[in-house]
Each structure stands twice: as C-alpha cells, then as structure tokens.
Amino acid sequence: PNDADLSLETPCGSCARPGKLRPHVVWF
C-alpha cells in the first residue's frame, strides 16, 4: 500500500532499494 508521492529516490518498503518502485497499475 502507498498513498505518498513517488520519486526515483523513494526506497522500497520491503527490500529498501531506491529507484525501483512503480505504480501498481497495468500499462498499455
């Protein structure tokens, strides 16, 4: 779950790696 703005610097809450998060949406 996430309600905050995302950026390239946002770390993953599970693995803590930054820059790897994307919206959980299906793109074209």
mmCIF file of all heavy atoms, coordinates in Angstrom:
data_MODEL
# 
_entry.id   MODEL 
# 
loop_
_atom_site.group_PDB 
_atom_site.id 
_atom_site.type_symbol 
_atom_site.label_atom_id 
_atom_site.label_alt_id 
_atom_site.label_comp_id 
_atom_site.label_asym_id 
_atom_site.label_entity_id 
_atom_site.label_seq_id 
_atom_site.pdbx_PDB_ins_code 
_atom_site.Cartn_x 
_atom_site.Cartn_y 
_atom_site.Cartn_z 
_atom_site.occupancy 
_atom_site.B_iso_or_equiv 
_atom_site.pdbx_formal_charge 
_atom_site.auth_seq_id 
_atom_site.auth_comp_id 
_atom_site.auth_asym_id 
_atom_site.auth_atom_id 
_atom_site.pdbx_PDB_model_num 
ATOM 1   N N   . PRO A 1 1  ? 0.834  -1.206 0.000   1.00 0.00 ? 1  PRO A N   1 
ATOM 2   C CA  . PRO A 1 1  ? 0.000  0.000  0.000   1.00 0.00 ? 1  PRO A CA  1 
ATOM 3   C C   . PRO A 1 1  ? 0.868  1.255  0.000   1.00 0.00 ? 1  PRO A C   1 
ATOM 4   O O   . PRO A 1 1  ? 1.953  1.276  0.588   1.00 0.00 ? 1  PRO A O   1 
ATOM 5   C CB  . PRO A 1 1  ? -0.796 -0.112 1.303   1.00 0.00 ? 1  PRO A CB  1 
ATOM 6   C CG  . PRO A 1 1  ? -0.744 -1.559 1.668   1.00 0.00 ? 1  PRO A CG  1 
ATOM 7   C CD  . PRO A 1 1  ? 0.589  -2.046 1.189   1.00 0.00 ? 1  PRO A CD  1 
ATOM 8   N N   . ASN A 1 2  ? 0.383  2.292  -0.677  1.00 0.00 ? 2  ASN A N   1 
ATOM 9   C CA  . ASN A 1 2  ? 1.132  3.552  -0.690  1.00 0.00 ? 2  ASN A CA  1 
ATOM 10  C C   . ASN A 1 2  ? 0.204  4.704  -1.061  1.00 0.00 ? 2  ASN A C   1 
ATOM 11  O O   . ASN A 1 2  ? -0.465 4.661  -2.087  1.00 0.00 ? 2  ASN A O   1 
ATOM 12  C CB  . ASN A 1 2  ? 2.269  3.502  -1.701  1.00 0.00 ? 2  ASN A CB  1 
ATOM 13  C CG  . ASN A 1 2  ? 2.973  4.841  -1.816  1.00 0.00 ? 2  ASN A CG  1 
ATOM 14  O OD1 . ASN A 1 2  ? 3.743  5.203  -0.935  1.00 0.00 ? 2  ASN A OD1 1 
ATOM 15  N ND2 . ASN A 1 2  ? 2.706  5.585  -2.879  1.00 0.00 ? 2  ASN A ND2 1 
ATOM 16  N N   . ASP A 1 3  ? 0.182  5.727  -0.222  1.00 0.00 ? 3  ASP A N   1 
ATOM 17  C CA  . ASP A 1 3  ? -0.585 6.933  -0.506  1.00 0.00 ? 3  ASP A CA  1 
ATOM 18  C C   . ASP A 1 3  ? 0.303  8.156  -0.714  1.00 0.00 ? 3  ASP A C   1 
ATOM 19  O O   . ASP A 1 3  ? -0.194 9.246  -0.988  1.00 0.00 ? 3  ASP A O   1 
ATOM 20  C CB  . ASP A 1 3  ? -1.572 7.230  0.638   1.00 0.00 ? 3  ASP A CB  1 
ATOM 21  C CG  . ASP A 1 3  ? -2.770 6.289  0.633   1.00 0.00 ? 3  ASP A CG  1 
ATOM 22  O OD1 . ASP A 1 3  ? -3.016 5.651  -0.409  1.00 0.00 ? 3  ASP A OD1 1 
ATOM 23  O OD2 . ASP A 1 3  ? -3.450 6.191  1.676   1.00 0.00 ? 3  ASP A OD2 1 
ATOM 24  N N   . ALA A 1 4  ? 1.604  7.989  -0.588  1.00 0.00 ? 4  ALA A N   1 
ATOM 25  C CA  . ALA A 1 4  ? 2.536  9.108  -0.705  1.00 0.00 ? 4  ALA A CA  1 
ATOM 26  C C   . ALA A 1 4  ? 2.989  9.279  -2.156  1.00 0.00 ? 4  ALA A C   1 
ATOM 27  O O   . ALA A 1 4  ? 2.913  8.351  -2.966  1.00 0.00 ? 4  ALA A O   1 
ATOM 28  C CB  . ALA A 1 4  ? 3.751  8.881  0.188   1.00 0.00 ? 4  ALA A CB  1 
ATOM 29  N N   . ASP A 1 5  ? 3.469  10.470 -2.487  1.00 0.00 ? 5  ASP A N   1 
ATOM 30  C CA  . ASP A 1 5  ? 4.066  10.698 -3.791  1.00 0.00 ? 5  ASP A CA  1 
ATOM 31  C C   . ASP A 1 5  ? 5.290  9.798  -3.963  1.00 0.00 ? 5  ASP A C   1 
ATOM 32  O O   . ASP A 1 5  ? 6.030  9.547  -3.006  1.00 0.00 ? 5  ASP A O   1 
ATOM 33  C CB  . ASP A 1 5  ? 4.503  12.149 -3.933  1.00 0.00 ? 5  ASP A CB  1 
ATOM 34  C CG  . ASP A 1 5  ? 3.337  13.097 -4.199  1.00 0.00 ? 5  ASP A CG  1 
ATOM 35  O OD1 . ASP A 1 5  ? 2.190  12.618 -4.271  1.00 0.00 ? 5  ASP A OD1 1 
ATOM 36  O OD2 . ASP A 1 5  ? 3.587  14.301 -4.319  1.00 0.00 ? 5  ASP A OD2 1 
ATOM 37  N N   . LEU A 1 6  ? 5.504  9.334  -5.186  1.00 0.00 ? 6  LEU A N   1 
ATOM 38  C CA  . LEU A 1 6  ? 6.677  8.524  -5.509  1.00 0.00 ? 6  LEU A CA  1 
ATOM 39  C C   . LEU A 1 6  ? 7.689  9.354  -6.269  1.00 0.00 ? 6  LEU A C   1 
ATOM 40  O O   . LEU A 1 6  ? 7.333  10.251 -7.037  1.00 0.00 ? 6  LEU A O   1 
ATOM 41  C CB  . LEU A 1 6  ? 6.283  7.316  -6.364  1.00 0.00 ? 6  LEU A CB  1 
ATOM 42  C CG  . LEU A 1 6  ? 5.448  6.212  -5.733  1.00 0.00 ? 6  LEU A CG  1 
ATOM 43  C CD1 . LEU A 1 6  ? 5.193  5.118  -6.763  1.00 0.00 ? 6  LEU A CD1 1 
ATOM 44  C CD2 . LEU A 1 6  ? 6.123  5.644  -4.506  1.00 0.00 ? 6  LEU A CD2 1 
ATOM 45  N N   . SER A 1 7  ? 8.955  9.033  -6.086  1.00 0.00 ? 7  SER A N   1 
ATOM 46  C CA  . SER A 1 7  ? 10.033 9.641  -6.855  1.00 0.00 ? 7  SER A CA  1 
ATOM 47  C C   . SER A 1 7  ? 11.088 8.580  -7.114  1.00 0.00 ? 7  SER A C   1 
ATOM 48  O O   . SER A 1 7  ? 10.998 7.449  -6.608  1.00 0.00 ? 7  SER A O   1 
ATOM 49  C CB  . SER A 1 7  ? 10.648 10.821 -6.090  1.00 0.00 ? 7  SER A CB  1 
ATOM 50  O OG  . SER A 1 7  ? 11.437 10.348 -5.010  1.00 0.00 ? 7  SER A OG  1 
ATOM 51  N N   . LEU A 1 8  ? 12.113 8.931  -7.859  1.00 0.00 ? 8  LEU A N   1 
ATOM 52  C CA  . LEU A 1 8  ? 13.200 7.996  -8.124  1.00 0.00 ? 8  LEU A CA  1 
ATOM 53  C C   . LEU A 1 8  ? 14.011 7.681  -6.877  1.00 0.00 ? 8  LEU A C   1 
ATOM 54  O O   . LEU A 1 8  ? 14.751 6.709  -6.828  1.00 0.00 ? 8  LEU A O   1 
ATOM 55  C CB  . LEU A 1 8  ? 14.129 8.559  -9.210  1.00 0.00 ? 8  LEU A CB  1 
ATOM 56  C CG  . LEU A 1 8  ? 13.508 8.689  -10.600 1.00 0.00 ? 8  LEU A CG  1 
ATOM 57  C CD1 . LEU A 1 8  ? 14.493 9.333  -11.559 1.00 0.00 ? 8  LEU A CD1 1 
ATOM 58  C CD2 . LEU A 1 8  ? 13.069 7.333  -11.119 1.00 0.00 ? 8  LEU A CD2 1 
ATOM 59  N N   . GLU A 1 9  ? 13.850 8.513  -5.866  1.00 0.00 ? 9  GLU A N   1 
ATOM 60  C CA  . GLU A 1 9  ? 14.597 8.319  -4.623  1.00 0.00 ? 9  GLU A CA  1 
ATOM 61  C C   . GLU A 1 9  ? 13.821 7.508  -3.586  1.00 0.00 ? 9  GLU A C   1 
ATOM 62  O O   . GLU A 1 9  ? 14.376 7.121  -2.552  1.00 0.00 ? 9  GLU A O   1 
ATOM 63  C CB  . GLU A 1 9  ? 14.977 9.674  -4.007  1.00 0.00 ? 9  GLU A CB  1 
ATOM 64  C CG  . GLU A 1 9  ? 16.010 10.472 -4.810  1.00 0.00 ? 9  GLU A CG  1 
ATOM 65  C CD  . GLU A 1 9  ? 15.446 11.047 -6.095  1.00 0.00 ? 9  GLU A CD  1 
ATOM 66  O OE1 . GLU A 1 9  ? 14.281 11.524 -6.068  1.00 0.00 ? 9  GLU A OE1 1 
ATOM 67  O OE2 . GLU A 1 9  ? 16.139 11.007 -7.129  1.00 0.00 ? 9  GLU A OE2 1 
ATOM 68  N N   . THR A 1 10 ? 12.546 7.231  -3.823  1.00 0.00 ? 10 THR A N   1 
ATOM 69  C CA  . THR A 1 10 ? 11.730 6.523  -2.841  1.00 0.00 ? 10 THR A CA  1 
ATOM 70  C C   . THR A 1 10 ? 12.222 5.087  -2.682  1.00 0.00 ? 10 THR A C   1 
ATOM 71  O O   . THR A 1 10 ? 12.280 4.330  -3.663  1.00 0.00 ? 10 THR A O   1 
ATOM 72  C CB  . THR A 1 10 ? 10.252 6.497  -3.259  1.00 0.00 ? 10 THR A CB  1 
ATOM 73  O OG1 . THR A 1 10 ? 9.815  7.833  -3.524  1.00 0.00 ? 10 THR A OG1 1 
ATOM 74  C CG2 . THR A 1 10 ? 9.394  5.889  -2.156  1.00 0.00 ? 10 THR A CG2 1 
ATOM 75  N N   . PRO A 1 11 ? 12.552 4.658  -1.452  1.00 0.00 ? 11 PRO A N   1 
ATOM 76  C CA  . PRO A 1 11 ? 13.009 3.275  -1.259  1.00 0.00 ? 11 PRO A CA  1 
ATOM 77  C C   . PRO A 1 11 ? 11.830 2.306  -1.156  1.00 0.00 ? 11 PRO A C   1 
ATOM 78  O O   . PRO A 1 11 ? 10.741 2.680  -0.708  1.00 0.00 ? 11 PRO A O   1 
ATOM 79  C CB  . PRO A 1 11 ? 13.772 3.340  0.068   1.00 0.00 ? 11 PRO A CB  1 
ATOM 80  C CG  . PRO A 1 11 ? 13.087 4.451  0.824   1.00 0.00 ? 11 PRO A CG  1 
ATOM 81  C CD  . PRO A 1 11 ? 12.659 5.460  -0.216  1.00 0.00 ? 11 PRO A CD  1 
ATOM 82  N N   . CYS A 1 12 ? 12.068 1.079  -1.543  1.00 0.00 ? 12 CYS A N   1 
ATOM 83  C CA  . CYS A 1 12 ? 11.063 0.035  -1.376  1.00 0.00 ? 12 CYS A CA  1 
ATOM 84  C C   . CYS A 1 12 ? 10.925 -0.282 0.106   1.00 0.00 ? 12 CYS A C   1 
ATOM 85  O O   . CYS A 1 12 ? 11.921 -0.443 0.817   1.00 0.00 ? 12 CYS A O   1 
ATOM 86  C CB  . CYS A 1 12 ? 11.479 -1.216 -2.145  1.00 0.00 ? 12 CYS A CB  1 
ATOM 87  S SG  . CYS A 1 12 ? 10.450 -2.669 -1.834  1.00 0.00 ? 12 CYS A SG  1 
ATOM 88  N N   . GLY A 1 13 ? 9.690  -0.406 0.573   1.00 0.00 ? 13 GLY A N   1 
ATOM 89  C CA  . GLY A 1 13 ? 9.460  -0.717 1.982   1.00 0.00 ? 13 GLY A CA  1 
ATOM 90  C C   . GLY A 1 13 ? 9.852  -2.133 2.343   1.00 0.00 ? 13 GLY A C   1 
ATOM 91  O O   . GLY A 1 13 ? 10.012 -2.452 3.526   1.00 0.00 ? 13 GLY A O   1 
ATOM 92  N N   . SER A 1 14 ? 10.049 -3.003 1.338   1.00 0.00 ? 14 SER A N   1 
ATOM 93  C CA  . SER A 1 14 ? 10.394 -4.388 1.615   1.00 0.00 ? 14 SER A CA  1 
ATOM 94  C C   . SER A 1 14 ? 11.894 -4.651 1.493   1.00 0.00 ? 14 SER A C   1 
ATOM 95  O O   . SER A 1 14 ? 12.503 -5.232 2.392   1.00 0.00 ? 14 SER A O   1 
ATOM 96  C CB  . SER A 1 14 ? 9.635  -5.325 0.664   1.00 0.00 ? 14 SER A CB  1 
ATOM 97  O OG  . SER A 1 14 ? 8.238  -5.259 0.904   1.00 0.00 ? 14 SER A OG  1 
ATOM 98  N N   . CYS A 1 15 ? 12.491 -4.221 0.384   1.00 0.00 ? 15 CYS A N   1 
ATOM 99  C CA  . CYS A 1 15 ? 13.918 -4.514 0.180   1.00 0.00 ? 15 CYS A CA  1 
ATOM 100 C C   . CYS A 1 15 ? 14.810 -3.292 0.376   1.00 0.00 ? 15 CYS A C   1 
ATOM 101 O O   . CYS A 1 15 ? 16.036 -3.414 0.326   1.00 0.00 ? 15 CYS A O   1 
ATOM 102 C CB  . CYS A 1 15 ? 14.148 -5.116 -1.200  1.00 0.00 ? 15 CYS A CB  1 
ATOM 103 S SG  . CYS A 1 15 ? 13.920 -3.963 -2.575  1.00 0.00 ? 15 CYS A SG  1 
ATOM 104 N N   . ALA A 1 16 ? 14.192 -2.134 0.548   1.00 0.00 ? 16 ALA A N   1 
ATOM 105 C CA  . ALA A 1 16 ? 14.893 -0.867 0.841   1.00 0.00 ? 16 ALA A CA  1 
ATOM 106 C C   . ALA A 1 16 ? 15.671 -0.298 -0.343  1.00 0.00 ? 16 ALA A C   1 
ATOM 107 O O   . ALA A 1 16 ? 16.342 0.724  -0.196  1.00 0.00 ? 16 ALA A O   1 
ATOM 108 C CB  . ALA A 1 16 ? 15.828 -1.023 2.040   1.00 0.00 ? 16 ALA A CB  1 
ATOM 109 N N   . ARG A 1 17 ? 15.570 -0.906 -1.515  1.00 0.00 ? 17 ARG A N   1 
ATOM 110 C CA  . ARG A 1 17 ? 16.294 -0.366 -2.667  1.00 0.00 ? 17 ARG A CA  1 
ATOM 111 C C   . ARG A 1 17 ? 15.559 0.848  -3.218  1.00 0.00 ? 17 ARG A C   1 
ATOM 112 O O   . ARG A 1 17 ? 14.344 0.809  -3.428  1.00 0.00 ? 17 ARG A O   1 
ATOM 113 C CB  . ARG A 1 17 ? 16.419 -1.418 -3.768  1.00 0.00 ? 17 ARG A CB  1 
ATOM 114 C CG  . ARG A 1 17 ? 17.377 -2.551 -3.432  1.00 0.00 ? 17 ARG A CG  1 
ATOM 115 C CD  . ARG A 1 17 ? 17.666 -3.386 -4.663  1.00 0.00 ? 17 ARG A CD  1 
ATOM 116 N NE  . ARG A 1 17 ? 18.381 -2.611 -5.693  1.00 0.00 ? 17 ARG A NE  1 
ATOM 117 C CZ  . ARG A 1 17 ? 18.693 -3.095 -6.894  1.00 0.00 ? 17 ARG A CZ  1 
ATOM 118 N NH1 . ARG A 1 17 ? 18.367 -4.343 -7.216  1.00 0.00 ? 17 ARG A NH1 1 
ATOM 119 N NH2 . ARG A 1 17 ? 19.330 -2.346 -7.770  1.00 0.00 ? 17 ARG A NH2 1 
ATOM 120 N N   . PRO A 1 18 ? 16.249 1.951  -3.458  1.00 0.00 ? 18 PRO A N   1 
ATOM 121 C CA  . PRO A 1 18 ? 15.609 3.128  -4.043  1.00 0.00 ? 18 PRO A CA  1 
ATOM 122 C C   . PRO A 1 18 ? 15.534 3.019  -5.562  1.00 0.00 ? 18 PRO A C   1 
ATOM 123 O O   . PRO A 1 18 ? 16.285 2.267  -6.187  1.00 0.00 ? 18 PRO A O   1 
ATOM 124 C CB  . PRO A 1 18 ? 16.544 4.270  -3.637  1.00 0.00 ? 18 PRO A CB  1 
ATOM 125 C CG  . PRO A 1 18 ? 17.889 3.613  -3.568  1.00 0.00 ? 18 PRO A CG  1 
ATOM 126 C CD  . PRO A 1 18 ? 17.640 2.196  -3.091  1.00 0.00 ? 18 PRO A CD  1 
ATOM 127 N N   . GLY A 1 19 ? 14.598 3.758  -6.146  1.00 0.00 ? 19 GLY A N   1 
ATOM 128 C CA  . GLY A 1 19 ? 14.515 3.846  -7.597  1.00 0.00 ? 19 GLY A CA  1 
ATOM 129 C C   . GLY A 1 19 ? 13.914 2.660  -8.300  1.00 0.00 ? 19 GLY A C   1 
ATOM 130 O O   . GLY A 1 19 ? 13.959 2.578  -9.530  1.00 0.00 ? 19 GLY A O   1 
ATOM 131 N N   . LYS A 1 20 ? 13.352 1.718  -7.549  1.00 0.00 ? 20 LYS A N   1 
ATOM 132 C CA  . LYS A 1 20 ? 12.795 0.511  -8.167  1.00 0.00 ? 20 LYS A CA  1 
ATOM 133 C C   . LYS A 1 20 ? 11.261 0.443  -8.083  1.00 0.00 ? 20 LYS A C   1 
ATOM 134 O O   . LYS A 1 20 ? 10.660 -0.506 -8.579  1.00 0.00 ? 20 LYS A O   1 
ATOM 135 C CB  . LYS A 1 20 ? 13.382 -0.732 -7.505  1.00 0.00 ? 20 LYS A CB  1 
ATOM 136 C CG  . LYS A 1 20 ? 14.887 -0.894 -7.715  1.00 0.00 ? 20 LYS A CG  1 
ATOM 137 C CD  . LYS A 1 20 ? 15.215 -1.071 -9.189  1.00 0.00 ? 20 LYS A CD  1 
ATOM 138 C CE  . LYS A 1 20 ? 16.701 -1.283 -9.411  1.00 0.00 ? 20 LYS A CE  1 
ATOM 139 N NZ  . LYS A 1 20 ? 17.008 -1.457 -10.853 1.00 0.00 ? 20 LYS A NZ  1 
ATOM 140 N N   . LEU A 1 21 ? 10.653 1.446  -7.461  1.00 0.00 ? 21 LEU A N   1 
ATOM 141 C CA  . LEU A 1 21 ? 9.203  1.415  -7.300  1.00 0.00 ? 21 LEU A CA  1 
ATOM 142 C C   . LEU A 1 21 ? 8.488  1.993  -8.519  1.00 0.00 ? 21 LEU A C   1 
ATOM 143 O O   . LEU A 1 21 ? 8.964  2.942  -9.140  1.00 0.00 ? 21 LEU A O   1 
ATOM 144 C CB  . LEU A 1 21 ? 8.792  2.195  -6.057  1.00 0.00 ? 21 LEU A CB  1 
ATOM 145 C CG  . LEU A 1 21 ? 9.203  1.614  -4.709  1.00 0.00 ? 21 LEU A CG  1 
ATOM 146 C CD1 . LEU A 1 21 ? 8.742  2.535  -3.582  1.00 0.00 ? 21 LEU A CD1 1 
ATOM 147 C CD2 . LEU A 1 21 ? 8.634  0.209  -4.513  1.00 0.00 ? 21 LEU A CD2 1 
ATOM 148 N N   . ARG A 1 22 ? 7.339  1.417  -8.831  1.00 0.00 ? 22 ARG A N   1 
ATOM 149 C CA  . ARG A 1 22 ? 6.468  1.916  -9.889  1.00 0.00 ? 22 ARG A CA  1 
ATOM 150 C C   . ARG A 1 22 ? 5.029  1.806  -9.400  1.00 0.00 ? 22 ARG A C   1 
ATOM 151 O O   . ARG A 1 22 ? 4.735  1.006  -8.496  1.00 0.00 ? 22 ARG A O   1 
ATOM 152 C CB  . ARG A 1 22 ? 6.637  1.118  -11.177 1.00 0.00 ? 22 ARG A CB  1 
ATOM 153 C CG  . ARG A 1 22 ? 6.397  -0.372 -11.021 1.00 0.00 ? 22 ARG A CG  1 
ATOM 154 C CD  . ARG A 1 22 ? 6.187  -1.073 -12.350 1.00 0.00 ? 22 ARG A CD  1 
ATOM 155 N NE  . ARG A 1 22 ? 4.833  -0.876 -12.850 1.00 0.00 ? 22 ARG A NE  1 
ATOM 156 C CZ  . ARG A 1 22 ? 4.373  -1.406 -13.981 1.00 0.00 ? 22 ARG A CZ  1 
ATOM 157 N NH1 . ARG A 1 22 ? 5.164  -2.138 -14.740 1.00 0.00 ? 22 ARG A NH1 1 
ATOM 158 N NH2 . ARG A 1 22 ? 3.130  -1.199 -14.381 1.00 0.00 ? 22 ARG A NH2 1 
ATOM 159 N N   . PRO A 1 23 ? 4.119  2.571  -9.964  1.00 0.00 ? 23 PRO A N   1 
ATOM 160 C CA  . PRO A 1 23 ? 2.712  2.397  -9.608  1.00 0.00 ? 23 PRO A CA  1 
ATOM 161 C C   . PRO A 1 23 ? 2.254  0.965  -9.904  1.00 0.00 ? 23 PRO A C   1 
ATOM 162 O O   . PRO A 1 23 ? 2.660  0.374  -10.911 1.00 0.00 ? 23 PRO A O   1 
ATOM 163 C CB  . PRO A 1 23 ? 1.989  3.407  -10.502 1.00 0.00 ? 23 PRO A CB  1 
ATOM 164 C CG  . PRO A 1 23 ? 3.024  4.413  -10.866 1.00 0.00 ? 23 PRO A CG  1 
ATOM 165 C CD  . PRO A 1 23 ? 4.311  3.650  -10.955 1.00 0.00 ? 23 PRO A CD  1 
ATOM 166 N N   . HIS A 1 24 ? 1.428  0.413  -9.048  1.00 0.00 ? 24 HIS A N   1 
ATOM 167 C CA  . HIS A 1 24 ? 0.905  -0.936 -9.268  1.00 0.00 ? 24 HIS A CA  1 
ATOM 168 C C   . HIS A 1 24 ? -0.308 -0.854 -10.191 1.00 0.00 ? 24 HIS A C   1 
ATOM 169 O O   . HIS A 1 24 ? -1.450 -1.095 -9.805  1.00 0.00 ? 24 HIS A O   1 
ATOM 170 C CB  . HIS A 1 24 ? 0.524  -1.577 -7.935  1.00 0.00 ? 24 HIS A CB  1 
ATOM 171 C CG  . HIS A 1 24 ? 0.008  -2.975 -8.070  1.00 0.00 ? 24 HIS A CG  1 
ATOM 172 N ND1 . HIS A 1 24 ? 0.689  -3.977 -8.736  1.00 0.00 ? 24 HIS A ND1 1 
ATOM 173 C CD2 . HIS A 1 24 ? -1.151 -3.545 -7.622  1.00 0.00 ? 24 HIS A CD2 1 
ATOM 174 C CE1 . HIS A 1 24 ? -0.019 -5.094 -8.688  1.00 0.00 ? 24 HIS A CE1 1 
ATOM 175 N NE2 . HIS A 1 24 ? -1.137 -4.860 -8.035  1.00 0.00 ? 24 HIS A NE2 1 
ATOM 176 N N   . VAL A 1 25 ? -0.037 -0.446 -11.413 1.00 0.00 ? 25 VAL A N   1 
ATOM 177 C CA  . VAL A 1 25 ? -1.075 -0.329 -12.425 1.00 0.00 ? 25 VAL A CA  1 
ATOM 178 C C   . VAL A 1 25 ? -0.627 -1.046 -13.682 1.00 0.00 ? 25 VAL A C   1 
ATOM 179 O O   . VAL A 1 25 ? 0.570  -1.206 -13.936 1.00 0.00 ? 25 VAL A O   1 
ATOM 180 C CB  . VAL A 1 25 ? -1.396 1.148  -12.743 1.00 0.00 ? 25 VAL A CB  1 
ATOM 181 C CG1 . VAL A 1 25 ? -1.919 1.862  -11.505 1.00 0.00 ? 25 VAL A CG1 1 
ATOM 182 C CG2 . VAL A 1 25 ? -0.200 1.869  -13.320 1.00 0.00 ? 25 VAL A CG2 1 
ATOM 183 N N   . VAL A 1 26 ? -1.598 -1.495 -14.458 1.00 0.00 ? 26 VAL A N   1 
ATOM 184 C CA  . VAL A 1 26 ? -1.313 -2.166 -15.729 1.00 0.00 ? 26 VAL A CA  1 
ATOM 185 C C   . VAL A 1 26 ? -1.265 -1.105 -16.817 1.00 0.00 ? 26 VAL A C   1 
ATOM 186 O O   . VAL A 1 26 ? -2.254 -0.420 -17.072 1.00 0.00 ? 26 VAL A O   1 
ATOM 187 C CB  . VAL A 1 26 ? -2.397 -3.217 -16.046 1.00 0.00 ? 26 VAL A CB  1 
ATOM 188 C CG1 . VAL A 1 26 ? -2.168 -3.819 -17.427 1.00 0.00 ? 26 VAL A CG1 1 
ATOM 189 C CG2 . VAL A 1 26 ? -2.404 -4.309 -14.981 1.00 0.00 ? 26 VAL A CG2 1 
ATOM 190 N N   . TRP A 1 27 ? -0.108 -0.989 -17.453 1.00 0.00 ? 27 TRP A N   1 
ATOM 191 C CA  . TRP A 1 27 ? 0.052  -0.018 -18.537 1.00 0.00 ? 27 TRP A CA  1 
ATOM 192 C C   . TRP A 1 27 ? -0.277 -0.649 -19.878 1.00 0.00 ? 27 TRP A C   1 
ATOM 193 O O   . TRP A 1 27 ? -0.354 -1.878 -20.013 1.00 0.00 ? 27 TRP A O   1 
ATOM 194 C CB  . TRP A 1 27 ? 1.494  0.499  -18.548 1.00 0.00 ? 27 TRP A CB  1 
ATOM 195 C CG  . TRP A 1 27 ? 1.808  1.436  -17.414 1.00 0.00 ? 27 TRP A CG  1 
ATOM 196 C CD1 . TRP A 1 27 ? 0.972  2.360  -16.865 1.00 0.00 ? 27 TRP A CD1 1 
ATOM 197 C CD2 . TRP A 1 27 ? 3.041  1.532  -16.693 1.00 0.00 ? 27 TRP A CD2 1 
ATOM 198 N NE1 . TRP A 1 27 ? 1.610  3.044  -15.853 1.00 0.00 ? 27 TRP A NE1 1 
ATOM 199 C CE2 . TRP A 1 27 ? 2.876  2.559  -15.722 1.00 0.00 ? 27 TRP A CE2 1 
ATOM 200 C CE3 . TRP A 1 27 ? 4.269  0.875  -16.775 1.00 0.00 ? 27 TRP A CE3 1 
ATOM 201 C CZ2 . TRP A 1 27 ? 3.889  2.929  -14.845 1.00 0.00 ? 27 TRP A CZ2 1 
ATOM 202 C CZ3 . TRP A 1 27 ? 5.278  1.247  -15.904 1.00 0.00 ? 27 TRP A CZ3 1 
ATOM 203 C CH2 . TRP A 1 27 ? 5.096  2.267  -14.955 1.00 0.00 ? 27 TRP A CH2 1 
ATOM 204 N N   . PHE A 1 28 ? -0.497 0.190  -20.877 1.00 0.00 ? 28 PHE A N   1 
ATOM 205 C CA  . PHE A 1 28 ? -0.738 -0.305 -22.228 1.00 0.00 ? 28 PHE A CA  1 
ATOM 206 C C   . PHE A 1 28 ? 0.463  -1.143 -22.659 1.00 0.00 ? 28 PHE A C   1 
ATOM 207 O O   . PHE A 1 28 ? 1.613  -0.751 -22.481 1.00 0.00 ? 28 PHE A O   1 
ATOM 208 C CB  . PHE A 1 28 ? -0.951 0.870  -23.194 1.00 0.00 ? 28 PHE A CB  1 
ATOM 209 C CG  . PHE A 1 28 ? -2.279 1.546  -23.020 1.00 0.00 ? 28 PHE A CG  1 
ATOM 210 C CD1 . PHE A 1 28 ? -2.425 2.585  -22.120 1.00 0.00 ? 28 PHE A CD1 1 
ATOM 211 C CD2 . PHE A 1 28 ? -3.391 1.125  -23.738 1.00 0.00 ? 28 PHE A CD2 1 
ATOM 212 C CE1 . PHE A 1 28 ? -3.655 3.207  -21.938 1.00 0.00 ? 28 PHE A CE1 1 
ATOM 213 C CE2 . PHE A 1 28 ? -4.622 1.739  -23.572 1.00 0.00 ? 28 PHE A CE2 1 
ATOM 214 C CZ  . PHE A 1 28 ? -4.755 2.782  -22.667 1.00 0.00 ? 28 PHE A CZ  1 
# 
